[in-house]
Every structure is written in C-alpha cells, then in structure tokens.
Amino acid sequence: MNVSLDAIEDAVFKQINGKGVVALPVLKGIEAALDAGLQVKINMVVKKGMNESQILPMARHFKGTDVILRFIEFMDVGNYNGWDLNNVVSKKQIIDTIHKEMPLESAQEHYYGEVASRFRYMDGTGEIGVISSVTDSFCGTCTRMRLSADGKFYTCLFASDGFDIKEKLRKGLTDEELETELISLWGKRKDRYSDERSEGKHKKRKKIEMSYIGG
C-alpha cells in the first residue's frame, strides 16, 4: 500500500493540506495497515521552501520500522503544480542530509527498471529510496505503463495523449491480442521527457494529470 505523507510535524503538515489536519490520523492508518499484514510504502514529495525541513523527522520516524520511505524530487507532473527547477531538492541533497546523522550506503536495485535509488542504513535498521526523475532521470530503463480509469493506456507519466484500449477490448480483443497490442505500443514509445528536461530540450506542453492515471 502506498501512502502520501509530505510532512510529519503538525505545523508543516497543516500548512501543506490547508485544512488544519494533523498527521496523527495518517500515522494511525499506517499502523493499522501494518497490523493487517500489508506492506506500506510512504511517498514524500520534497519541495524547497515547503517541507525540506521534514526530511530528517520523516527518516527518524520510520527508521527501524517495516515501512519503506521514498523521497520524491518535486516534478513537473500535470499542468498546475507551479513547478520550478529552483524548488527542487535533489537526490544528493536529500541523501547528504540524512547521511550526516544516520549513515547510509547504496543498495542494489530489486529489479530492472526500479525507479527509486535504494539506500540502506549502515547500522542495519532499514532502508530509504529516492525517486529522482529531475536530477537523475531514468527514461532509458523505464518499464512503467499506466492505465486510466476510462481505459486509456499511457506510456509515460508526462504524456499528453493515451491509446484507447477499452474500445479495442469491447470489440472482442482476446488476451493474446491485447498482449500483442500492448507490446507493440510499448515498443514504439519515444518518451524521454525527463531526459529532455535534463538536457534543456523539453518543450512546454499540456500533460496528463497524475490524478487521472494514478501516478
């Protein structure tokens, strides 16, 4: 189960959610999920000027638990989050901040195309990860396809358009034909938005909203 939690200290958490909600209900929900036997991953988007002060408190809280904490560089997903490169806290900055207090070492990826760079605590009390599509893009090893609720297939988080799979299924596409279709679409993909951004070659365009394709 993935849980979004961008701060653990109430003052910052309330400022982010704008509703005066404290972090305790979320933390209780995480505990309930763990008690139920679920594996929990926490996603924290780090934005300069908003919640970089929460990097250490979050790491301290989940260190030594069964929760996997993932820090995510602030990305220009969608069209309305006011993204600016100056607001990005880099993977290096995140790791350096934690390493000074809680020494880390690199860990091998679990599988090809894993989007998070893994680091383990040197005292053996768990691990963290950083998803760094801004400063360390991974378009060349991406294996993630996304399906929207209305049956469209997207080959990139930063895509503008999807492929209508629902219509093909309703026309009687078999499982084998569907597999062939998806393999063909993936094989033709040319998405490399994060690479282009890093190279300064990306063009501003209307992108699909993350809430529409589930992140």
N, C-alpha and C. Protein backbone atom coordinates (compact mmCIF):
# COMPACT_ATOMS: atom_id res chain seq x y z
N MET A 1 0.85 -1.18 0.00
CA MET A 1 0.00 0.00 0.00
C MET A 1 0.89 1.24 0.00
N ASN A 2 0.61 2.17 -0.90
CA ASN A 2 1.34 3.43 -0.95
C ASN A 2 0.56 4.53 -0.25
N VAL A 3 1.26 5.28 0.60
CA VAL A 3 0.65 6.38 1.34
C VAL A 3 1.44 7.65 1.06
N SER A 4 0.77 8.71 0.69
CA SER A 4 1.42 10.01 0.51
C SER A 4 1.46 10.74 1.85
N LEU A 5 2.66 11.10 2.27
CA LEU A 5 2.83 11.83 3.53
C LEU A 5 4.01 12.77 3.35
N ASP A 6 3.73 14.05 3.18
CA ASP A 6 4.77 15.02 2.83
C ASP A 6 5.36 15.74 4.04
N ALA A 7 4.84 15.45 5.23
CA ALA A 7 5.38 16.03 6.47
C ALA A 7 4.87 15.23 7.64
N ILE A 8 5.64 15.23 8.72
CA ILE A 8 5.21 14.50 9.90
C ILE A 8 4.98 15.43 11.09
N GLU A 9 5.58 16.61 11.05
CA GLU A 9 5.35 17.60 12.10
C GLU A 9 4.08 18.38 11.77
N ASP A 10 3.21 18.53 12.77
CA ASP A 10 1.87 19.05 12.52
C ASP A 10 1.85 20.44 11.90
N ALA A 11 2.74 21.32 12.33
CA ALA A 11 2.72 22.69 11.80
C ALA A 11 2.92 22.70 10.29
N VAL A 12 3.87 21.88 9.83
CA VAL A 12 4.14 21.82 8.39
C VAL A 12 3.02 21.06 7.68
N PHE A 13 2.57 19.96 8.28
CA PHE A 13 1.52 19.15 7.66
C PHE A 13 0.24 19.97 7.47
N LYS A 14 -0.13 20.74 8.47
CA LYS A 14 -1.34 21.56 8.36
C LYS A 14 -1.19 22.63 7.29
N GLN A 15 0.00 23.18 7.18
CA GLN A 15 0.23 24.21 6.15
C GLN A 15 0.11 23.62 4.75
N ILE A 16 0.57 22.38 4.59
CA ILE A 16 0.52 21.73 3.28
C ILE A 16 -0.92 21.37 2.91
N ASN A 17 -1.65 20.77 3.85
CA ASN A 17 -3.02 20.33 3.49
C ASN A 17 -4.03 21.47 3.51
N GLY A 18 -3.70 22.57 4.17
CA GLY A 18 -4.57 23.73 4.16
C GLY A 18 -5.90 23.54 4.87
N LYS A 19 -6.05 22.44 5.59
CA LYS A 19 -7.31 22.11 6.26
C LYS A 19 -7.17 22.05 7.77
N GLY A 20 -5.97 22.28 8.27
CA GLY A 20 -5.75 22.19 9.70
C GLY A 20 -5.70 20.77 10.21
N VAL A 21 -5.54 19.80 9.30
CA VAL A 21 -5.49 18.38 9.70
C VAL A 21 -4.08 18.05 10.18
N VAL A 22 -3.98 17.32 11.28
CA VAL A 22 -2.68 16.92 11.81
C VAL A 22 -2.28 15.57 11.23
N ALA A 23 -1.05 15.16 11.48
CA ALA A 23 -0.52 13.93 10.87
C ALA A 23 -0.98 12.66 11.59
N LEU A 24 -1.45 12.78 12.82
CA LEU A 24 -1.77 11.59 13.61
C LEU A 24 -2.75 10.62 12.94
N PRO A 25 -3.85 11.08 12.34
CA PRO A 25 -4.75 10.12 11.68
C PRO A 25 -4.08 9.31 10.58
N VAL A 26 -3.16 9.94 9.85
CA VAL A 26 -2.44 9.23 8.80
C VAL A 26 -1.51 8.19 9.42
N LEU A 27 -0.82 8.56 10.48
CA LEU A 27 0.09 7.64 11.15
C LEU A 27 -0.67 6.45 11.75
N LYS A 28 -1.85 6.72 12.29
CA LYS A 28 -2.68 5.63 12.82
C LYS A 28 -3.12 4.69 11.70
N GLY A 29 -3.45 5.27 10.55
CA GLY A 29 -3.83 4.45 9.40
C GLY A 29 -2.70 3.57 8.94
N ILE A 30 -1.47 4.11 8.97
CA ILE A 30 -0.30 3.32 8.59
C ILE A 30 -0.10 2.16 9.56
N GLU A 31 -0.26 2.43 10.84
CA GLU A 31 -0.12 1.37 11.85
C GLU A 31 -1.18 0.29 11.65
N ALA A 32 -2.39 0.71 11.34
CA ALA A 32 -3.47 -0.26 11.12
C ALA A 32 -3.17 -1.13 9.91
N ALA A 33 -2.61 -0.53 8.87
CA ALA A 33 -2.26 -1.30 7.67
C ALA A 33 -1.17 -2.31 7.98
N LEU A 34 -0.18 -1.90 8.76
CA LEU A 34 0.90 -2.82 9.14
C LEU A 34 0.36 -3.96 10.00
N ASP A 35 -0.54 -3.62 10.93
CA ASP A 35 -1.14 -4.65 11.80
C ASP A 35 -1.95 -5.66 10.99
N ALA A 36 -2.49 -5.18 9.85
CA ALA A 36 -3.28 -6.07 8.99
C ALA A 36 -2.41 -6.91 8.06
N GLY A 37 -1.09 -6.71 8.15
CA GLY A 37 -0.18 -7.51 7.35
C GLY A 37 0.16 -6.93 6.00
N LEU A 38 -0.19 -5.67 5.76
CA LEU A 38 0.12 -5.04 4.48
C LEU A 38 1.52 -4.44 4.50
N GLN A 39 2.17 -4.47 3.35
CA GLN A 39 3.43 -3.75 3.21
C GLN A 39 3.11 -2.31 2.87
N VAL A 40 3.75 -1.38 3.55
CA VAL A 40 3.43 0.04 3.37
C VAL A 40 4.65 0.78 2.84
N LYS A 41 4.42 1.57 1.80
CA LYS A 41 5.44 2.49 1.30
C LYS A 41 4.93 3.91 1.49
N ILE A 42 5.78 4.76 2.00
CA ILE A 42 5.44 6.17 2.19
C ILE A 42 6.11 6.98 1.10
N ASN A 43 5.35 7.78 0.39
CA ASN A 43 5.89 8.68 -0.63
C ASN A 43 5.88 10.11 -0.10
N MET A 44 7.05 10.72 -0.06
CA MET A 44 7.17 12.11 0.37
C MET A 44 7.77 12.93 -0.76
N VAL A 45 6.98 13.82 -1.34
CA VAL A 45 7.48 14.76 -2.34
C VAL A 45 8.15 15.91 -1.59
N VAL A 46 9.41 16.17 -1.93
CA VAL A 46 10.17 17.21 -1.24
C VAL A 46 10.26 18.45 -2.11
N LYS A 47 9.76 19.56 -1.59
CA LYS A 47 9.77 20.83 -2.32
C LYS A 47 10.46 21.89 -1.47
N LYS A 48 11.44 22.54 -2.08
CA LYS A 48 12.19 23.57 -1.37
C LYS A 48 11.25 24.71 -0.95
N GLY A 49 11.39 25.14 0.28
CA GLY A 49 10.55 26.21 0.80
C GLY A 49 9.23 25.73 1.35
N MET A 50 8.95 24.44 1.20
CA MET A 50 7.70 23.89 1.70
C MET A 50 7.94 22.86 2.80
N ASN A 51 8.74 21.85 2.52
CA ASN A 51 8.85 20.78 3.51
C ASN A 51 10.23 20.11 3.58
N GLU A 52 11.28 20.78 3.08
CA GLU A 52 12.59 20.15 3.18
C GLU A 52 13.01 19.96 4.65
N SER A 53 12.41 20.74 5.55
CA SER A 53 12.69 20.60 6.98
C SER A 53 12.20 19.27 7.53
N GLN A 54 11.39 18.56 6.76
CA GLN A 54 10.80 17.30 7.21
C GLN A 54 11.59 16.07 6.80
N ILE A 55 12.66 16.25 6.05
CA ILE A 55 13.44 15.10 5.59
C ILE A 55 13.95 14.28 6.77
N LEU A 56 14.62 14.93 7.72
CA LEU A 56 15.15 14.22 8.88
C LEU A 56 14.06 13.69 9.81
N PRO A 57 13.04 14.49 10.15
CA PRO A 57 11.98 13.95 11.02
C PRO A 57 11.29 12.73 10.42
N MET A 58 11.08 12.73 9.11
CA MET A 58 10.46 11.57 8.46
C MET A 58 11.39 10.37 8.53
N ALA A 59 12.66 10.58 8.23
CA ALA A 59 13.63 9.48 8.26
C ALA A 59 13.75 8.91 9.68
N ARG A 60 13.81 9.78 10.67
CA ARG A 60 13.92 9.32 12.06
C ARG A 60 12.70 8.49 12.45
N HIS A 61 11.51 8.95 12.07
CA HIS A 61 10.28 8.29 12.50
C HIS A 61 10.17 6.88 11.93
N PHE A 62 10.52 6.70 10.67
CA PHE A 62 10.30 5.40 10.02
C PHE A 62 11.53 4.50 10.02
N LYS A 63 12.67 5.02 10.47
CA LYS A 63 13.88 4.19 10.59
C LYS A 63 13.63 3.08 11.61
N GLY A 64 13.99 1.87 11.25
CA GLY A 64 13.82 0.75 12.17
C GLY A 64 12.43 0.15 12.17
N THR A 65 11.57 0.59 11.24
CA THR A 65 10.23 0.03 11.12
C THR A 65 10.14 -0.80 9.83
N ASP A 66 8.99 -1.38 9.61
CA ASP A 66 8.77 -2.14 8.38
C ASP A 66 8.29 -1.27 7.23
N VAL A 67 8.19 0.03 7.47
CA VAL A 67 7.73 0.97 6.44
C VAL A 67 8.88 1.35 5.53
N ILE A 68 8.64 1.35 4.23
CA ILE A 68 9.63 1.78 3.25
C ILE A 68 9.36 3.24 2.88
N LEU A 69 10.31 4.11 3.19
CA LEU A 69 10.16 5.54 2.95
C LEU A 69 10.81 5.92 1.63
N ARG A 70 10.03 6.58 0.77
CA ARG A 70 10.53 7.03 -0.53
C ARG A 70 10.41 8.55 -0.62
N PHE A 71 11.54 9.21 -0.83
CA PHE A 71 11.56 10.64 -1.09
C PHE A 71 11.48 10.85 -2.60
N ILE A 72 10.70 11.84 -3.03
CA ILE A 72 10.49 12.09 -4.46
C ILE A 72 10.86 13.53 -4.78
N GLU A 73 11.75 13.71 -5.74
CA GLU A 73 12.05 15.07 -6.17
C GLU A 73 10.80 15.73 -6.74
N PHE A 74 10.62 16.99 -6.46
CA PHE A 74 9.47 17.76 -6.97
C PHE A 74 9.51 17.78 -8.49
N MET A 75 8.48 17.16 -9.11
CA MET A 75 8.45 17.00 -10.57
C MET A 75 7.38 17.88 -11.20
N ASP A 76 7.55 18.17 -12.48
CA ASP A 76 6.58 18.99 -13.21
C ASP A 76 5.51 18.10 -13.83
N VAL A 77 4.87 17.30 -13.01
CA VAL A 77 3.76 16.48 -13.50
C VAL A 77 2.52 17.36 -13.66
N GLY A 78 1.67 17.01 -14.61
CA GLY A 78 0.46 17.78 -14.82
C GLY A 78 0.77 19.21 -15.28
N ASN A 79 -0.17 20.08 -15.03
CA ASN A 79 -0.07 21.44 -15.57
C ASN A 79 -0.27 22.54 -14.54
N TYR A 80 -0.52 22.17 -13.28
CA TYR A 80 -0.96 23.18 -12.32
C TYR A 80 -0.19 23.21 -11.01
N ASN A 81 0.94 22.52 -10.91
CA ASN A 81 1.63 22.49 -9.62
C ASN A 81 2.69 23.57 -9.47
N GLY A 82 2.77 24.46 -10.45
CA GLY A 82 3.68 25.61 -10.34
C GLY A 82 5.14 25.19 -10.27
N TRP A 83 5.51 24.15 -11.02
CA TRP A 83 6.87 23.62 -10.93
C TRP A 83 7.91 24.64 -11.36
N ASP A 84 9.01 24.65 -10.60
CA ASP A 84 10.16 25.48 -10.93
C ASP A 84 11.40 24.71 -10.49
N LEU A 85 12.41 24.66 -11.33
CA LEU A 85 13.63 23.92 -11.01
C LEU A 85 14.25 24.41 -9.70
N ASN A 86 14.08 25.69 -9.41
CA ASN A 86 14.65 26.25 -8.19
C ASN A 86 13.99 25.68 -6.93
N ASN A 87 12.85 25.03 -7.08
CA ASN A 87 12.15 24.45 -5.93
C ASN A 87 12.48 22.97 -5.73
N VAL A 88 13.38 22.45 -6.55
CA VAL A 88 13.73 21.03 -6.46
C VAL A 88 14.83 20.81 -5.42
N VAL A 89 14.60 19.90 -4.49
CA VAL A 89 15.64 19.42 -3.58
C VAL A 89 16.16 18.12 -4.18
N SER A 90 17.41 18.10 -4.55
CA SER A 90 17.96 16.99 -5.32
C SER A 90 18.16 15.73 -4.48
N LYS A 91 18.29 14.61 -5.19
CA LYS A 91 18.59 13.34 -4.52
C LYS A 91 19.84 13.46 -3.67
N LYS A 92 20.88 14.08 -4.21
CA LYS A 92 22.13 14.23 -3.47
C LYS A 92 21.91 15.02 -2.18
N GLN A 93 21.14 16.09 -2.26
CA GLN A 93 20.89 16.90 -1.07
C GLN A 93 20.12 16.10 -0.02
N ILE A 94 19.15 15.32 -0.47
CA ILE A 94 18.35 14.50 0.46
C ILE A 94 19.23 13.47 1.14
N ILE A 95 20.02 12.74 0.35
CA ILE A 95 20.88 11.70 0.91
C ILE A 95 21.94 12.29 1.83
N ASP A 96 22.55 13.39 1.41
CA ASP A 96 23.58 14.03 2.24
C ASP A 96 23.00 14.47 3.58
N THR A 97 21.78 15.01 3.57
CA THR A 97 21.14 15.47 4.80
C THR A 97 20.95 14.33 5.79
N ILE A 98 20.46 13.20 5.29
CA ILE A 98 20.23 12.04 6.17
C ILE A 98 21.54 11.39 6.58
N HIS A 99 22.46 11.27 5.64
CA HIS A 99 23.73 10.56 5.88
C HIS A 99 24.54 11.20 7.01
N LYS A 100 24.46 12.51 7.16
CA LYS A 100 25.23 13.20 8.21
C LYS A 100 24.81 12.72 9.60
N GLU A 101 23.56 12.39 9.77
CA GLU A 101 23.06 11.93 11.08
C GLU A 101 22.92 10.42 11.16
N MET A 102 22.45 9.82 10.05
CA MET A 102 22.19 8.39 10.02
C MET A 102 22.89 7.82 8.78
N PRO A 103 24.13 7.38 8.91
CA PRO A 103 24.94 6.98 7.75
C PRO A 103 24.24 5.97 6.85
N LEU A 104 24.37 6.20 5.55
CA LEU A 104 23.74 5.37 4.52
C LEU A 104 24.77 4.78 3.59
N GLU A 105 24.39 3.71 2.92
CA GLU A 105 25.19 3.15 1.84
C GLU A 105 24.25 2.72 0.73
N SER A 106 24.75 2.72 -0.49
CA SER A 106 23.93 2.33 -1.63
C SER A 106 23.52 0.86 -1.53
N ALA A 107 22.34 0.56 -2.03
CA ALA A 107 21.84 -0.81 -2.08
C ALA A 107 21.49 -1.15 -3.52
N GLN A 108 21.61 -2.41 -3.86
CA GLN A 108 21.30 -2.85 -5.22
C GLN A 108 19.80 -2.76 -5.49
N GLU A 109 19.45 -2.53 -6.75
CA GLU A 109 18.05 -2.49 -7.11
C GLU A 109 17.43 -3.88 -7.00
N HIS A 110 16.13 -3.90 -6.71
CA HIS A 110 15.41 -5.17 -6.58
C HIS A 110 15.16 -5.79 -7.95
N TYR A 111 14.96 -4.94 -8.97
CA TYR A 111 14.62 -5.43 -10.30
C TYR A 111 14.99 -4.37 -11.33
N TYR A 112 15.12 -4.81 -12.58
CA TYR A 112 15.46 -3.88 -13.65
C TYR A 112 14.36 -2.84 -13.81
N GLY A 113 14.76 -1.58 -13.89
CA GLY A 113 13.79 -0.52 -14.09
C GLY A 113 13.19 0.02 -12.81
N GLU A 114 13.70 -0.39 -11.65
CA GLU A 114 13.19 0.15 -10.39
C GLU A 114 13.42 1.66 -10.38
N VAL A 115 12.39 2.43 -10.10
CA VAL A 115 12.50 3.88 -10.25
C VAL A 115 13.20 4.54 -9.07
N ALA A 116 13.19 3.91 -7.91
CA ALA A 116 13.82 4.50 -6.73
C ALA A 116 15.26 4.03 -6.59
N SER A 117 16.17 4.95 -6.34
CA SER A 117 17.53 4.58 -5.96
C SER A 117 17.48 4.19 -4.48
N ARG A 118 17.97 3.00 -4.17
CA ARG A 118 17.85 2.46 -2.81
C ARG A 118 19.12 2.73 -2.00
N PHE A 119 18.89 3.04 -0.72
CA PHE A 119 19.99 3.22 0.23
C PHE A 119 19.60 2.54 1.53
N ARG A 120 20.56 1.85 2.15
CA ARG A 120 20.29 1.18 3.43
C ARG A 120 21.07 1.88 4.54
N TYR A 121 20.48 1.87 5.72
CA TYR A 121 21.18 2.40 6.88
C TYR A 121 22.32 1.46 7.24
N MET A 122 23.48 2.01 7.50
CA MET A 122 24.66 1.20 7.74
C MET A 122 24.60 0.43 9.06
N ASP A 123 23.68 0.82 9.94
CA ASP A 123 23.51 0.08 11.20
C ASP A 123 22.50 -1.05 11.06
N GLY A 124 21.99 -1.26 9.83
CA GLY A 124 21.09 -2.38 9.57
C GLY A 124 19.65 -2.17 9.97
N THR A 125 19.24 -0.90 10.15
CA THR A 125 17.88 -0.63 10.63
C THR A 125 16.95 -0.16 9.53
N GLY A 126 17.09 -0.73 8.35
CA GLY A 126 16.14 -0.42 7.29
C GLY A 126 16.75 0.29 6.11
N GLU A 127 15.88 0.82 5.26
CA GLU A 127 16.33 1.49 4.04
C GLU A 127 15.41 2.63 3.68
N ILE A 128 15.88 3.47 2.77
CA ILE A 128 15.07 4.52 2.16
C ILE A 128 15.30 4.45 0.66
N GLY A 129 14.53 5.23 -0.08
CA GLY A 129 14.73 5.33 -1.51
C GLY A 129 14.49 6.76 -1.96
N VAL A 130 15.05 7.11 -3.10
CA VAL A 130 14.83 8.44 -3.67
C VAL A 130 14.47 8.28 -5.14
N ILE A 131 13.35 8.87 -5.53
CA ILE A 131 12.93 8.89 -6.93
C ILE A 131 13.35 10.24 -7.50
N SER A 132 14.27 10.22 -8.46
CA SER A 132 14.95 11.45 -8.87
C SER A 132 14.85 11.68 -10.37
N SER A 133 13.65 11.80 -10.88
CA SER A 133 13.50 11.95 -12.33
C SER A 133 13.95 13.33 -12.83
N VAL A 134 14.22 14.27 -11.91
CA VAL A 134 14.66 15.60 -12.33
C VAL A 134 16.18 15.65 -12.47
N THR A 135 16.90 15.24 -11.42
CA THR A 135 18.36 15.36 -11.43
C THR A 135 19.06 14.09 -11.89
N ASP A 136 18.33 12.99 -11.97
CA ASP A 136 18.94 11.71 -12.33
C ASP A 136 17.91 10.89 -13.11
N SER A 137 17.54 11.37 -14.27
CA SER A 137 16.41 10.78 -15.00
C SER A 137 16.69 9.33 -15.41
N PHE A 138 15.62 8.56 -15.54
CA PHE A 138 15.76 7.13 -15.83
C PHE A 138 14.87 6.69 -16.98
N CYS A 139 14.66 7.57 -17.95
CA CYS A 139 13.80 7.23 -19.10
C CYS A 139 14.26 5.97 -19.82
N GLY A 140 15.58 5.81 -19.93
CA GLY A 140 16.13 4.69 -20.70
C GLY A 140 15.84 3.33 -20.10
N THR A 141 15.56 3.28 -18.79
CA THR A 141 15.27 1.99 -18.15
C THR A 141 13.84 1.90 -17.65
N CYS A 142 13.00 2.85 -18.03
CA CYS A 142 11.62 2.87 -17.55
C CYS A 142 10.83 1.66 -18.08
N THR A 143 10.09 1.03 -17.18
CA THR A 143 9.24 -0.11 -17.56
C THR A 143 7.79 0.13 -17.13
N ARG A 144 7.44 1.38 -16.83
CA ARG A 144 6.13 1.68 -16.26
C ARG A 144 5.11 2.09 -17.33
N MET A 145 4.03 1.34 -17.43
CA MET A 145 2.90 1.75 -18.25
C MET A 145 1.74 2.07 -17.32
N ARG A 146 0.85 2.93 -17.75
CA ARG A 146 -0.23 3.38 -16.88
C ARG A 146 -1.57 3.27 -17.61
N LEU A 147 -2.59 2.91 -16.85
CA LEU A 147 -3.94 2.73 -17.41
C LEU A 147 -4.89 3.64 -16.67
N SER A 148 -5.58 4.51 -17.39
CA SER A 148 -6.53 5.43 -16.77
C SER A 148 -7.85 4.71 -16.49
N ALA A 149 -8.67 5.33 -15.66
CA ALA A 149 -9.95 4.72 -15.28
C ALA A 149 -10.89 4.58 -16.46
N ASP A 150 -10.71 5.38 -17.51
CA ASP A 150 -11.58 5.28 -18.68
C ASP A 150 -10.95 4.45 -19.81
N GLY A 151 -9.94 3.64 -19.46
CA GLY A 151 -9.42 2.65 -20.41
C GLY A 151 -8.41 3.14 -21.41
N LYS A 152 -7.63 4.17 -21.05
CA LYS A 152 -6.58 4.63 -21.96
C LYS A 152 -5.21 4.25 -21.41
N PHE A 153 -4.34 3.84 -22.30
CA PHE A 153 -3.02 3.34 -21.98
C PHE A 153 -1.99 4.44 -22.23
N TYR A 154 -1.18 4.73 -21.20
CA TYR A 154 -0.17 5.79 -21.30
C TYR A 154 1.21 5.20 -21.11
N THR A 155 2.14 5.63 -21.95
CA THR A 155 3.49 5.10 -21.89
C THR A 155 4.46 5.98 -21.12
N CYS A 156 3.94 7.08 -20.53
CA CYS A 156 4.82 7.98 -19.78
C CYS A 156 3.99 8.80 -18.80
N LEU A 157 4.57 9.06 -17.63
CA LEU A 157 3.91 9.91 -16.64
C LEU A 157 3.70 11.33 -17.16
N PHE A 158 4.54 11.74 -18.11
CA PHE A 158 4.47 13.10 -18.65
C PHE A 158 3.82 13.15 -20.04
N ALA A 159 3.08 12.10 -20.38
CA ALA A 159 2.45 12.04 -21.70
C ALA A 159 1.31 13.05 -21.83
N SER A 160 0.99 13.38 -23.05
CA SER A 160 -0.16 14.24 -23.32
C SER A 160 -1.37 13.43 -23.75
N ASP A 161 -1.12 12.35 -24.47
CA ASP A 161 -2.22 11.54 -25.01
C ASP A 161 -2.00 10.06 -24.68
N GLY A 162 -3.13 9.33 -24.64
CA GLY A 162 -3.07 7.89 -24.40
C GLY A 162 -3.67 7.12 -25.56
N PHE A 163 -3.59 5.81 -25.47
CA PHE A 163 -4.14 4.92 -26.50
C PHE A 163 -5.40 4.25 -25.95
N ASP A 164 -6.46 4.26 -26.71
CA ASP A 164 -7.74 3.74 -26.24
C ASP A 164 -7.75 2.22 -26.28
N ILE A 165 -7.55 1.61 -25.13
CA ILE A 165 -7.56 0.15 -25.03
C ILE A 165 -8.97 -0.37 -24.78
N LYS A 166 -9.76 0.39 -24.07
CA LYS A 166 -11.13 -0.03 -23.75
C LYS A 166 -11.93 -0.32 -25.02
N GLU A 167 -11.81 0.55 -26.01
CA GLU A 167 -12.56 0.36 -27.25
C GLU A 167 -12.16 -0.95 -27.94
N LYS A 168 -10.86 -1.24 -27.92
CA LYS A 168 -10.39 -2.48 -28.54
C LYS A 168 -10.91 -3.70 -27.79
N LEU A 169 -10.94 -3.63 -26.46
CA LEU A 169 -11.45 -4.75 -25.67
C LEU A 169 -12.92 -4.99 -25.94
N ARG A 170 -13.67 -3.92 -26.07
CA ARG A 170 -15.11 -4.05 -26.31
C ARG A 170 -15.42 -4.56 -27.71
N LYS A 171 -14.42 -4.53 -28.56
CA LYS A 171 -14.60 -5.09 -29.90
C LYS A 171 -14.21 -6.56 -29.95
N GLY A 172 -13.87 -7.11 -28.76
CA GLY A 172 -13.62 -8.53 -28.68
C GLY A 172 -12.17 -8.95 -28.71
N LEU A 173 -11.25 -8.05 -28.37
CA LEU A 173 -9.84 -8.37 -28.36
C LEU A 173 -9.56 -9.49 -27.35
N THR A 174 -8.88 -10.54 -27.76
CA THR A 174 -8.54 -11.63 -26.84
C THR A 174 -7.35 -11.22 -25.96
N ASP A 175 -7.08 -12.00 -24.92
CA ASP A 175 -5.94 -11.70 -24.05
C ASP A 175 -4.64 -11.71 -24.84
N GLU A 176 -4.50 -12.67 -25.74
CA GLU A 176 -3.28 -12.76 -26.54
C GLU A 176 -3.15 -11.56 -27.47
N GLU A 177 -4.25 -11.15 -28.07
CA GLU A 177 -4.23 -9.98 -28.97
C GLU A 177 -3.94 -8.71 -28.18
N LEU A 178 -4.49 -8.63 -26.97
CA LEU A 178 -4.24 -7.46 -26.12
C LEU A 178 -2.75 -7.39 -25.77
N GLU A 179 -2.17 -8.51 -25.41
CA GLU A 179 -0.75 -8.55 -25.07
C GLU A 179 0.09 -8.09 -26.26
N THR A 180 -0.26 -8.57 -27.43
CA THR A 180 0.48 -8.18 -28.64
C THR A 180 0.35 -6.69 -28.90
N GLU A 181 -0.86 -6.15 -28.69
CA GLU A 181 -1.11 -4.72 -28.89
C GLU A 181 -0.28 -3.88 -27.92
N LEU A 182 -0.26 -4.27 -26.66
CA LEU A 182 0.49 -3.51 -25.65
C LEU A 182 1.99 -3.57 -25.91
N ILE A 183 2.47 -4.75 -26.29
CA ILE A 183 3.89 -4.88 -26.61
C ILE A 183 4.26 -4.00 -27.79
N SER A 184 3.39 -3.96 -28.77
CA SER A 184 3.64 -3.13 -29.96
C SER A 184 3.68 -1.64 -29.59
N LEU A 185 2.71 -1.20 -28.78
CA LEU A 185 2.67 0.21 -28.38
C LEU A 185 3.90 0.58 -27.57
N TRP A 186 4.28 -0.30 -26.64
CA TRP A 186 5.45 -0.02 -25.82
C TRP A 186 6.72 -0.01 -26.67
N GLY A 187 6.81 -0.90 -27.62
CA GLY A 187 7.99 -0.96 -28.47
C GLY A 187 8.18 0.27 -29.32
N LYS A 188 7.10 0.99 -29.58
CA LYS A 188 7.17 2.20 -30.41
C LYS A 188 7.35 3.47 -29.59
N ARG A 189 7.36 3.35 -28.28
CA ARG A 189 7.41 4.56 -27.44
C ARG A 189 8.71 5.33 -27.63
N LYS A 190 8.59 6.65 -27.65
CA LYS A 190 9.75 7.52 -27.78
C LYS A 190 9.82 8.49 -26.62
N ASP A 191 9.07 8.19 -25.55
CA ASP A 191 9.01 9.11 -24.42
C ASP A 191 10.37 9.21 -23.72
N ARG A 192 10.84 10.41 -23.56
CA ARG A 192 12.06 10.67 -22.79
C ARG A 192 12.03 12.08 -22.23
N TYR A 193 10.87 12.43 -21.68
CA TYR A 193 10.65 13.80 -21.21
C TYR A 193 11.68 14.20 -20.14
N SER A 194 11.92 13.32 -19.17
CA SER A 194 12.86 13.68 -18.10
C SER A 194 14.27 13.87 -18.63
N ASP A 195 14.67 13.03 -19.59
CA ASP A 195 15.98 13.21 -20.24
C ASP A 195 16.04 14.56 -20.94
N GLU A 196 14.98 14.87 -21.67
CA GLU A 196 14.95 16.13 -22.42
C GLU A 196 14.97 17.33 -21.46
N ARG A 197 14.29 17.20 -20.34
CA ARG A 197 14.31 18.27 -19.34
C ARG A 197 15.72 18.49 -18.83
N SER A 198 16.40 17.38 -18.52
CA SER A 198 17.78 17.48 -18.03
C SER A 198 18.71 18.10 -19.06
N GLU A 199 18.41 17.85 -20.33
CA GLU A 199 19.23 18.37 -21.43
C GLU A 199 18.81 19.77 -21.86
N GLY A 200 17.74 20.28 -21.25
CA GLY A 200 17.23 21.59 -21.63
C GLY A 200 16.53 21.61 -22.97
N LYS A 201 16.08 20.43 -23.44
CA LYS A 201 15.47 20.31 -24.75
C LYS A 201 13.95 20.13 -24.68
N HIS A 202 13.40 20.07 -23.48
CA HIS A 202 11.96 19.82 -23.37
C HIS A 202 11.18 21.07 -23.75
N LYS A 203 10.01 20.84 -24.30
CA LYS A 203 9.13 21.94 -24.68
C LYS A 203 7.90 21.93 -23.77
N LYS A 204 7.46 23.10 -23.39
CA LYS A 204 6.28 23.19 -22.55
C LYS A 204 5.08 22.65 -23.32
N ARG A 205 4.34 21.73 -22.71
CA ARG A 205 3.19 21.15 -23.36
C ARG A 205 2.17 20.76 -22.31
N LYS A 206 0.96 20.56 -22.74
CA LYS A 206 -0.08 20.14 -21.81
C LYS A 206 0.11 18.65 -21.52
N LYS A 207 0.23 18.31 -20.24
CA LYS A 207 0.48 16.93 -19.84
C LYS A 207 -0.73 16.37 -19.10
N ILE A 208 -0.84 15.05 -19.11
CA ILE A 208 -1.93 14.40 -18.41
C ILE A 208 -1.74 14.63 -16.90
N GLU A 209 -2.84 14.78 -16.18
CA GLU A 209 -2.75 14.98 -14.74
C GLU A 209 -2.49 13.65 -14.03
N MET A 210 -1.62 13.68 -13.02
CA MET A 210 -1.28 12.46 -12.31
C MET A 210 -2.51 11.82 -11.67
N SER A 211 -3.43 12.62 -11.20
CA SER A 211 -4.64 12.07 -10.56
C SER A 211 -5.48 11.25 -11.55
N TYR A 212 -5.29 11.52 -12.83
CA TYR A 212 -6.08 10.83 -13.87
C TYR A 212 -5.53 9.45 -14.17
N ILE A 213 -4.22 9.29 -14.01
CA ILE A 213 -3.62 7.99 -14.33
C ILE A 213 -3.03 7.29 -13.10
N GLY A 214 -3.24 7.85 -11.93
CA GLY A 214 -2.85 7.15 -10.71
C GLY A 214 -1.39 7.24 -10.35
N GLY A 215 -0.65 8.20 -10.90
CA GLY A 215 0.74 8.38 -10.51
C GLY A 215 1.68 7.43 -11.18
